[in-house]
Amino acid sequence: MVSLTRKVALVTGSSRGIGRAIAVELARCGADVMVNYVHEAEPAAEVAREIESLGRRVGVFQADVGDFEQATTLVNTTIDTLGQLDILVNNAGIIRDTLLMRMSETDWDMVLRVDLKGTFNTCKAATRFMLRQRSGRIINISSVSGLMGQVGQTNYAAAKAGVIGFTKSLARELGNRGITANVVAPGFIPTDLNAAIDEELRARLRAFIPLARFGTVKDVAHAVVFLASEEAAYITGCVLPVDGGLSM
């Protein structure tokens, strides 16, 4: 198993779904973890208790990463509480799906604010510290929608495509300081975020997946853990689809 002993990770949006699975898997591999949430304090506390049961140190901090000051405070609190920051996983995200002709300016702005600007906010704060220690792993969660587009997701697809371009540029900027920056692009992973999708649409989506099944939150978490590890030290600027072959 990959060892992340003596590493500290911050996972944004880690009170549920993919973020929760990532936080727990990082802890299972030895990392101490800062859990972040915006609205759901009790689910975040549950994640923290699960991490503690694995014998790892854990912090919990409420912050809206779309707000620059809150995102900066989140990063600084992680360092102050757990002593360092080695792994940043930008997972926090929202969706406001509808066709462009029906999409409000508010729906556009909200998704770009959290899903793209939130990644900028935390990376800007974290890289100040990582540059000083001359090491770090940044893993940004995009989506197959950012690679392929999706009907009703012009805002979400734009934000997630932006995350890819942002990360590739960041990888070029930080590589000579021992910091890697990579993207994980999940396909259809059933979570609370997409629970409203009806079964007919799910069946149509499944038909396009070469592996003929939906992914799990653990599939994504395992990819993140690998990119956070020493085994991935020579990988940067990579986009790793975890989508069962959907984006081929």
C-alpha atoms as a PDB file:
ATOM      1  CA  MET A   1       0.000   0.000   0.000  1.00  0.00           C
ATOM      2  CA  VAL A   2       1.121   3.568  -0.712  1.00  0.00           C
ATOM      3  CA  SER A   3       2.575   5.248   2.371  1.00  0.00           C
ATOM      4  CA  LEU A   4       1.745   8.865   3.181  1.00  0.00           C
ATOM      5  CA  THR A   5       3.091   8.732   6.721  1.00  0.00           C
ATOM      6  CA  ARG A   6       4.145  12.119   8.108  1.00  0.00           C
ATOM      7  CA  LYS A   7       2.246  13.907   5.332  1.00  0.00           C
ATOM      8  CA  VAL A   8      -0.510  16.477   5.887  1.00  0.00           C
ATOM      9  CA  ALA A   9      -3.402  16.821   3.443  1.00  0.00           C
ATOM     10  CA  LEU A  10      -6.163  19.373   2.969  1.00  0.00           C
ATOM     11  CA  VAL A  11      -9.234  18.150   1.090  1.00  0.00           C
ATOM     12  CA  THR A  12     -11.812  20.792   0.224  1.00  0.00           C
ATOM     13  CA  GLY A  13     -15.450  19.792   0.199  1.00  0.00           C
ATOM     14  CA  SER A  14     -14.726  16.639   2.172  1.00  0.00           C
ATOM     15  CA  SER A  15     -17.856  16.199   4.288  1.00  0.00           C
ATOM     16  CA  ARG A  16     -19.487  13.805   1.812  1.00  0.00           C
ATOM     17  CA  GLY A  17     -19.220  11.968  -1.496  1.00  0.00           C
ATOM     18  CA  ILE A  18     -15.948  11.949  -3.394  1.00  0.00           C
ATOM     19  CA  GLY A  19     -14.283  14.388  -0.991  1.00  0.00           C
ATOM     20  CA  ARG A  20     -15.084  12.226   2.000  1.00  0.00           C
ATOM     21  CA  ALA A  21     -13.712   9.119   0.302  1.00  0.00           C
ATOM     22  CA  ILE A  22     -10.503  10.963  -0.619  1.00  0.00           C
ATOM     23  CA  ALA A  23      -9.992  12.277   2.917  1.00  0.00           C
ATOM     24  CA  VAL A  24     -10.501   8.849   4.479  1.00  0.00           C
ATOM     25  CA  GLU A  25      -8.283   7.062   1.945  1.00  0.00           C
ATOM     26  CA  LEU A  26      -5.461   9.556   2.467  1.00  0.00           C
ATOM     27  CA  ALA A  27      -5.729   8.928   6.194  1.00  0.00           C
ATOM     28  CA  ARG A  28      -5.809   5.165   5.647  1.00  0.00           C
ATOM     29  CA  CYS A  29      -2.466   5.539   3.873  1.00  0.00           C
ATOM     30  CA  GLY A  30      -0.979   7.477   6.792  1.00  0.00           C
ATOM     31  CA  ALA A  31      -1.696  11.162   6.184  1.00  0.00           C
ATOM     32  CA  ASP A  32      -3.097  13.602   8.717  1.00  0.00           C
ATOM     33  CA  VAL A  33      -6.061  15.412   7.176  1.00  0.00           C
ATOM     34  CA  MET A  34      -7.910  18.717   7.362  1.00  0.00           C
ATOM     35  CA  VAL A  35     -11.600  18.196   6.571  1.00  0.00           C
ATOM     36  CA  ASN A  36     -13.410  21.151   4.999  1.00  0.00           C
ATOM     37  CA  TYR A  37     -17.115  21.867   4.706  1.00  0.00           C
ATOM     38  CA  VAL A  38     -19.441  24.807   4.090  1.00  0.00           C
ATOM     39  CA  HIS A  39     -22.888  23.857   5.400  1.00  0.00           C
ATOM     40  CA  GLU A  40     -22.816  20.310   6.802  1.00  0.00           C
ATOM     41  CA  ALA A  41     -21.065  20.359  10.171  1.00  0.00           C
ATOM     42  CA  GLU A  42     -22.246  16.957  11.415  1.00  0.00           C
ATOM     43  CA  PRO A  43     -21.248  14.976   8.305  1.00  0.00           C
ATOM     44  CA  ALA A  44     -17.838  16.683   8.487  1.00  0.00           C
ATOM     45  CA  ALA A  45     -17.562  15.661  12.143  1.00  0.00           C
ATOM     46  CA  GLU A  46     -18.394  12.070  11.149  1.00  0.00           C
ATOM     47  CA  VAL A  47     -15.555  12.092   8.623  1.00  0.00           C
ATOM     48  CA  ALA A  48     -13.220  13.428  11.306  1.00  0.00           C
ATOM     49  CA  ARG A  49     -14.214  10.636  13.703  1.00  0.00           C
ATOM     50  CA  GLU A  50     -13.560   8.036  11.002  1.00  0.00           C
ATOM     51  CA  ILE A  51     -10.113   9.506  10.365  1.00  0.00           C
ATOM     52  CA  GLU A  52      -9.337   9.566  14.090  1.00  0.00           C
ATOM     53  CA  SER A  53     -10.328   5.895  14.298  1.00  0.00           C
ATOM     54  CA  LEU A  54      -7.508   5.209  11.821  1.00  0.00           C
ATOM     55  CA  GLY A  55      -5.033   6.737  14.265  1.00  0.00           C
ATOM     56  CA  ARG A  56      -4.468   9.925  12.297  1.00  0.00           C
ATOM     57  CA  ARG A  57      -4.589  13.560  13.387  1.00  0.00           C
ATOM     58  CA  VAL A  58      -7.482  15.504  11.926  1.00  0.00           C
ATOM     59  CA  GLY A  59      -8.865  19.017  11.823  1.00  0.00           C
ATOM     60  CA  VAL A  60     -12.259  20.297  10.702  1.00  0.00           C
ATOM     61  CA  PHE A  61     -12.736  23.788   9.327  1.00  0.00           C
ATOM     62  CA  GLN A  62     -15.724  25.558   7.802  1.00  0.00           C
ATOM     63  CA  ALA A  63     -14.870  27.709   4.808  1.00  0.00           C
ATOM     64  CA  ASP A  64     -16.343  28.708   1.472  1.00  0.00           C
ATOM     65  CA  VAL A  65     -13.399  28.241  -0.891  1.00  0.00           C
ATOM     66  CA  GLY A  66     -15.040  30.541  -3.433  1.00  0.00           C
ATOM     67  CA  ASP A  67     -14.230  33.398  -1.065  1.00  0.00           C
ATOM     68  CA  PHE A  68     -10.552  34.351  -1.279  1.00  0.00           C
ATOM     69  CA  GLU A  69     -10.155  35.318   2.386  1.00  0.00           C
ATOM     70  CA  GLN A  70     -11.922  32.196   3.662  1.00  0.00           C
ATOM     71  CA  ALA A  71      -9.856  29.954   1.381  1.00  0.00           C
ATOM     72  CA  THR A  72      -6.644  31.586   2.581  1.00  0.00           C
ATOM     73  CA  THR A  73      -7.690  31.163   6.202  1.00  0.00           C
ATOM     74  CA  LEU A  74      -8.484  27.499   5.535  1.00  0.00           C
ATOM     75  CA  VAL A  75      -4.981  26.859   4.193  1.00  0.00           C
ATOM     76  CA  ASN A  76      -3.305  28.802   6.997  1.00  0.00           C
ATOM     77  CA  THR A  77      -5.395  27.021   9.635  1.00  0.00           C
ATOM     78  CA  THR A  78      -4.355  23.650   8.191  1.00  0.00           C
ATOM     79  CA  ILE A  79      -0.702  24.600   8.561  1.00  0.00           C
ATOM     80  CA  ASP A  80      -1.199  26.057  12.044  1.00  0.00           C
ATOM     81  CA  THR A  81      -3.222  23.046  13.262  1.00  0.00           C
ATOM     82  CA  LEU A  82      -1.344  20.158  11.666  1.00  0.00           C
ATOM     83  CA  GLY A  83       2.093  21.734  11.302  1.00  0.00           C
ATOM     84  CA  GLN A  84       2.575  21.613   7.545  1.00  0.00           C
ATOM     85  CA  LEU A  85       0.845  21.081   4.201  1.00  0.00           C
ATOM     86  CA  ASP A  86       2.076  18.475   1.747  1.00  0.00           C
ATOM     87  CA  ILE A  87      -1.050  17.556  -0.222  1.00  0.00           C
ATOM     88  CA  LEU A  88      -3.819  19.856  -1.457  1.00  0.00           C
ATOM     89  CA  VAL A  89      -6.890  18.269  -3.028  1.00  0.00           C
ATOM     90  CA  ASN A  90      -9.358  20.722  -4.560  1.00  0.00           C
ATOM     91  CA  ASN A  91     -12.579  18.766  -4.586  1.00  0.00           C
ATOM     92  CA  ALA A  92     -15.201  21.351  -3.555  1.00  0.00           C
ATOM     93  CA  GLY A  93     -17.737  21.899  -6.299  1.00  0.00           C
ATOM     94  CA  ILE A  94     -21.365  22.633  -7.070  1.00  0.00           C
ATOM     95  CA  ILE A  95     -23.647  22.129 -10.058  1.00  0.00           C
ATOM     96  CA  ARG A  96     -26.492  24.278 -11.364  1.00  0.00           C
ATOM     97  CA  ASP A  97     -27.482  22.317 -14.455  1.00  0.00           C
ATOM     98  CA  THR A  98     -29.810  23.707 -17.102  1.00  0.00           C
ATOM     99  CA  LEU A  99     -29.740  24.537 -20.797  1.00  0.00           C
ATOM    100  CA  LEU A 100     -27.866  27.730 -21.635  1.00  0.00           C
ATOM    101  CA  MET A 101     -31.035  29.479 -22.850  1.00  0.00           C
ATOM    102  CA  ARG A 102     -32.506  28.974 -19.355  1.00  0.00           C
ATOM    103  CA  MET A 103     -29.344  29.529 -17.347  1.00  0.00           C
ATOM    104  CA  SER A 104     -29.308  32.611 -15.175  1.00  0.00           C
ATOM    105  CA  GLU A 105     -26.260  34.781 -14.694  1.00  0.00           C
ATOM    106  CA  THR A 106     -26.379  33.770 -11.031  1.00  0.00           C
ATOM    107  CA  ASP A 107     -26.182  30.057 -11.920  1.00  0.00           C
ATOM    108  CA  TRP A 108     -23.196  30.741 -14.173  1.00  0.00           C
ATOM    109  CA  ASP A 109     -21.394  32.888 -11.613  1.00  0.00           C
ATOM    110  CA  MET A 110     -21.982  30.526  -8.675  1.00  0.00           C
ATOM    111  CA  VAL A 111     -20.501  27.495 -10.439  1.00  0.00           C
ATOM    112  CA  LEU A 112     -17.462  29.372 -11.758  1.00  0.00           C
ATOM    113  CA  ARG A 113     -16.936  30.963  -8.338  1.00  0.00           C
ATOM    114  CA  VAL A 114     -16.756  27.678  -6.425  1.00  0.00           C
ATOM    115  CA  ASP A 115     -15.494  25.187  -9.002  1.00  0.00           C
ATOM    116  CA  LEU A 116     -12.829  27.316 -10.706  1.00  0.00           C
ATOM    117  CA  LYS A 117     -12.095  30.371  -8.568  1.00  0.00           C
ATOM    118  CA  GLY A 118     -12.087  28.175  -5.453  1.00  0.00           C
ATOM    119  CA  THR A 119      -9.240  26.180  -6.982  1.00  0.00           C
ATOM    120  CA  PHE A 120      -7.306  29.379  -7.678  1.00  0.00           C
ATOM    121  CA  ASN A 121      -7.920  30.639  -4.140  1.00  0.00           C
ATOM    122  CA  THR A 122      -6.605  27.597  -2.289  1.00  0.00           C
ATOM    123  CA  CYS A 123      -3.724  26.984  -4.696  1.00  0.00           C
ATOM    124  CA  LYS A 124      -2.521  30.564  -4.363  1.00  0.00           C
ATOM    125  CA  ALA A 125      -2.461  30.273  -0.576  1.00  0.00           C
ATOM    126  CA  ALA A 126      -0.967  26.766  -0.488  1.00  0.00           C
ATOM    127  CA  THR A 127       1.806  27.365  -2.995  1.00  0.00           C
ATOM    128  CA  ARG A 128       3.301  30.112  -0.830  1.00  0.00           C
ATOM    129  CA  PHE A 129       4.018  27.455   1.789  1.00  0.00           C
ATOM    130  CA  MET A 130       4.927  24.674  -0.632  1.00  0.00           C
ATOM    131  CA  LEU A 131       7.444  26.889  -2.418  1.00  0.00           C
ATOM    132  CA  ARG A 132       9.245  27.506   0.861  1.00  0.00           C
ATOM    133  CA  GLN A 133       9.431  23.793   1.673  1.00  0.00           C
ATOM    134  CA  ARG A 134      10.255  22.987  -1.976  1.00  0.00           C
ATOM    135  CA  SER A 135       7.817  20.104  -2.147  1.00  0.00           C
ATOM    136  CA  GLY A 136       4.111  19.440  -2.469  1.00  0.00           C
ATOM    137  CA  ARG A 137       1.354  17.627  -4.296  1.00  0.00           C
ATOM    138  CA  ILE A 138      -1.633  19.466  -5.767  1.00  0.00           C
ATOM    139  CA  ILE A 139      -4.478  17.353  -7.116  1.00  0.00           C
ATOM    140  CA  ASN A 140      -7.416  19.220  -8.633  1.00  0.00           C
ATOM    141  CA  ILE A 141     -10.685  17.418  -9.270  1.00  0.00           C
ATOM    142  CA  SER A 142     -12.122  18.188 -12.696  1.00  0.00           C
ATOM    143  CA  SER A 143     -14.715  16.088 -14.535  1.00  0.00           C
ATOM    144  CA  VAL A 144     -15.305  14.189 -17.737  1.00  0.00           C
ATOM    145  CA  SER A 145     -17.613  17.134 -18.537  1.00  0.00           C
ATOM    146  CA  GLY A 146     -14.534  19.334 -18.701  1.00  0.00           C
ATOM    147  CA  LEU A 147     -13.077  16.989 -21.319  1.00  0.00           C
ATOM    148  CA  MET A 148     -16.167  16.251 -23.407  1.00  0.00           C
ATOM    149  CA  GLY A 149     -18.830  18.799 -22.535  1.00  0.00           C
ATOM    150  CA  GLN A 150     -22.349  17.834 -21.516  1.00  0.00           C
ATOM    151  CA  VAL A 151     -25.814  19.087 -22.401  1.00  0.00           C
ATOM    152  CA  GLY A 152     -27.104  21.365 -19.670  1.00  0.00           C
ATOM    153  CA  GLN A 153     -23.664  21.897 -18.145  1.00  0.00           C
ATOM    154  CA  THR A 154     -22.108  24.832 -19.969  1.00  0.00           C
ATOM    155  CA  ASN A 155     -21.238  26.451 -16.636  1.00  0.00           C
ATOM    156  CA  TYR A 156     -19.917  23.278 -15.002  1.00  0.00           C
ATOM    157  CA  ALA A 157     -18.025  22.113 -18.112  1.00  0.00           C
ATOM    158  CA  ALA A 158     -16.447  25.545 -18.521  1.00  0.00           C
ATOM    159  CA  ALA A 159     -15.320  25.570 -14.896  1.00  0.00           C
ATOM    160  CA  LYS A 160     -13.921  22.044 -15.029  1.00  0.00           C
ATOM    161  CA  ALA A 161     -12.153  22.660 -18.348  1.00  0.00           C
ATOM    162  CA  GLY A 162     -10.723  25.765 -16.738  1.00  0.00           C
ATOM    163  CA  VAL A 163      -9.380  23.657 -13.875  1.00  0.00           C
ATOM    164  CA  ILE A 164      -7.464  21.565 -16.418  1.00  0.00           C
ATOM    165  CA  GLY A 165      -5.840  24.554 -18.107  1.00  0.00           C
ATOM    166  CA  PHE A 166      -5.118  26.146 -14.736  1.00  0.00           C
ATOM    167  CA  THR A 167      -3.433  22.988 -13.452  1.00  0.00           C
ATOM    168  CA  LYS A 168      -1.269  22.470 -16.524  1.00  0.00           C
ATOM    169  CA  SER A 169      -0.019  26.054 -16.259  1.00  0.00           C
ATOM    170  CA  LEU A 170       0.568  25.663 -12.522  1.00  0.00           C
ATOM    171  CA  ALA A 171       2.542  22.467 -13.130  1.00  0.00           C
ATOM    172  CA  ARG A 172       4.890  24.384 -15.429  1.00  0.00           C
ATOM    173  CA  GLU A 173       5.314  27.169 -12.879  1.00  0.00           C
ATOM    174  CA  LEU A 174       6.044  24.930  -9.894  1.00  0.00           C
ATOM    175  CA  GLY A 175       7.886  21.942 -11.339  1.00  0.00           C
ATOM    176  CA  ASN A 176      11.395  23.209 -10.664  1.00  0.00           C
ATOM    177  CA  ARG A 177      10.530  23.577  -6.967  1.00  0.00           C
ATOM    178  CA  GLY A 178       9.604  19.932  -6.499  1.00  0.00           C
ATOM    179  CA  ILE A 179       5.851  20.567  -6.554  1.00  0.00           C
ATOM    180  CA  THR A 180       3.579  18.549  -8.820  1.00  0.00           C
ATOM    181  CA  ALA A 181       0.120  19.571 -10.000  1.00  0.00           C
ATOM    182  CA  ASN A 182      -2.249  17.072 -11.581  1.00  0.00           C
ATOM    183  CA  VAL A 183      -5.920  16.613 -12.413  1.00  0.00           C
ATOM    184  CA  VAL A 184      -8.276  13.734 -11.723  1.00  0.00           C
ATOM    185  CA  ALA A 185     -11.333  13.814 -14.002  1.00  0.00           C
ATOM    186  CA  PRO A 186     -14.080  11.513 -12.696  1.00  0.00           C
ATOM    187  CA  GLY A 187     -16.769  10.173 -14.971  1.00  0.00           C
ATOM    188  CA  PHE A 188     -20.227   9.378 -13.646  1.00  0.00           C
ATOM    189  CA  ILE A 189     -19.806   8.622  -9.938  1.00  0.00           C
ATOM    190  CA  PRO A 190     -23.128   8.289  -8.085  1.00  0.00           C
ATOM    191  CA  THR A 191     -23.142  10.777  -5.176  1.00  0.00           C
ATOM    192  CA  ASP A 192     -25.598  13.144  -3.502  1.00  0.00           C
ATOM    193  CA  LEU A 193     -24.550  15.769  -6.066  1.00  0.00           C
ATOM    194  CA  ASN A 194     -26.140  13.864  -8.961  1.00  0.00           C
ATOM    195  CA  ALA A 195     -28.807  11.902  -7.082  1.00  0.00           C
ATOM    196  CA  ALA A 196     -31.598  13.705  -8.957  1.00  0.00           C
ATOM    197  CA  ILE A 197     -30.691  12.067 -12.289  1.00  0.00           C
ATOM    198  CA  ASP A 198     -33.510   9.674 -13.204  1.00  0.00           C
ATOM    199  CA  GLU A 199     -32.978   5.996 -13.955  1.00  0.00           C
ATOM    200  CA  GLU A 200     -33.683   6.339 -17.682  1.00  0.00           C
ATOM    201  CA  LEU A 201     -30.868   8.833 -18.077  1.00  0.00           C
ATOM    202  CA  ARG A 202     -28.600   6.696 -15.906  1.00  0.00           C
ATOM    203  CA  ALA A 203     -29.202   3.748 -18.207  1.00  0.00           C
ATOM    204  CA  ARG A 204     -28.328   5.844 -21.279  1.00  0.00           C
ATOM    205  CA  LEU A 205     -25.152   7.087 -19.601  1.00  0.00           C
ATOM    206  CA  ARG A 206     -24.128   3.559 -18.604  1.00  0.00           C
ATOM    207  CA  ALA A 207     -24.498   2.391 -22.208  1.00  0.00           C
ATOM    208  CA  PHE A 208     -21.687   4.738 -23.288  1.00  0.00           C
ATOM    209  CA  ILE A 209     -19.181   3.474 -20.697  1.00  0.00           C
ATOM    210  CA  PRO A 210     -16.816   0.793 -22.061  1.00  0.00           C
ATOM    211  CA  LEU A 211     -16.495  -0.831 -18.621  1.00  0.00           C
ATOM    212  CA  ALA A 212     -20.308  -0.980 -18.494  1.00  0.00           C
ATOM    213  CA  ARG A 213     -20.641   0.322 -14.949  1.00  0.00           C
ATOM    214  CA  PHE A 214     -20.564   3.532 -12.998  1.00  0.00           C
ATOM    215  CA  GLY A 215     -17.539   4.346 -10.914  1.00  0.00           C
ATOM    216  CA  THR A 216     -17.359   4.569  -7.147  1.00  0.00           C
ATOM    217  CA  VAL A 217     -15.998   7.244  -4.858  1.00  0.00           C
ATOM    218  CA  LYS A 218     -13.193   4.838  -3.940  1.00  0.00           C
ATOM    219  CA  ASP A 219     -12.141   4.597  -7.597  1.00  0.00           C
ATOM    220  CA  VAL A 220     -11.501   8.341  -7.513  1.00  0.00           C
ATOM    221  CA  ALA A 221      -9.886   8.262  -4.072  1.00  0.00           C
ATOM    222  CA  HIS A 222      -7.373   5.608  -5.138  1.00  0.00           C
ATOM    223  CA  ALA A 223      -6.300   7.746  -8.117  1.00  0.00           C
ATOM    224  CA  VAL A 224      -5.819  10.771  -5.854  1.00  0.00           C
ATOM    225  CA  VAL A 225      -3.772   8.782  -3.346  1.00  0.00           C
ATOM    226  CA  PHE A 226      -1.459   7.586  -6.107  1.00  0.00           C
ATOM    227  CA  LEU A 227      -0.876  11.112  -7.411  1.00  0.00           C
ATOM    228  CA  ALA A 228      -0.213  12.274  -3.841  1.00  0.00           C
ATOM    229  CA  SER A 229       2.433   9.611  -3.306  1.00  0.00           C
ATOM    230  CA  GLU A 230       6.162   9.426  -3.884  1.00  0.00           C
ATOM    231  CA  GLU A 231       5.448   6.811  -6.556  1.00  0.00           C
ATOM    232  CA  ALA A 232       4.002   9.651  -8.675  1.00  0.00           C
ATOM    233  CA  ALA A 233       6.940  12.022  -8.132  1.00  0.00           C
ATOM    234  CA  TYR A 234       7.700  12.226 -11.863  1.00  0.00           C
ATOM    235  CA  ILE A 235       4.111  12.894 -12.949  1.00  0.00           C
ATOM    236  CA  THR A 236       2.932  16.492 -13.327  1.00  0.00           C
ATOM    237  CA  GLY A 237       0.518  18.314 -15.611  1.00  0.00           C
ATOM    238  CA  CYS A 238      -1.359  15.044 -16.066  1.00  0.00           C
ATOM    239  CA  VAL A 239      -5.109  14.653 -16.550  1.00  0.00           C
ATOM    240  CA  LEU A 240      -6.164  11.241 -15.252  1.00  0.00           C
ATOM    241  CA  PRO A 241      -9.695  10.275 -16.296  1.00  0.00           C
ATOM    242  CA  VAL A 242     -11.403   7.942 -13.852  1.00  0.00           C
ATOM    243  CA  ASP A 243     -14.377   7.269 -16.067  1.00  0.00           C
ATOM    244  CA  GLY A 244     -14.428   3.637 -17.193  1.00  0.00           C
ATOM    245  CA  GLY A 245     -13.238   4.717 -20.645  1.00  0.00           C
ATOM    246  CA  LEU A 246     -16.109   7.152 -21.264  1.00  0.00           C
ATOM    247  CA  SER A 247     -13.891   9.988 -22.519  1.00  0.00           C
ATOM    248  CA  MET A 248     -11.865   7.881 -24.994  1.00  0.00           C
END
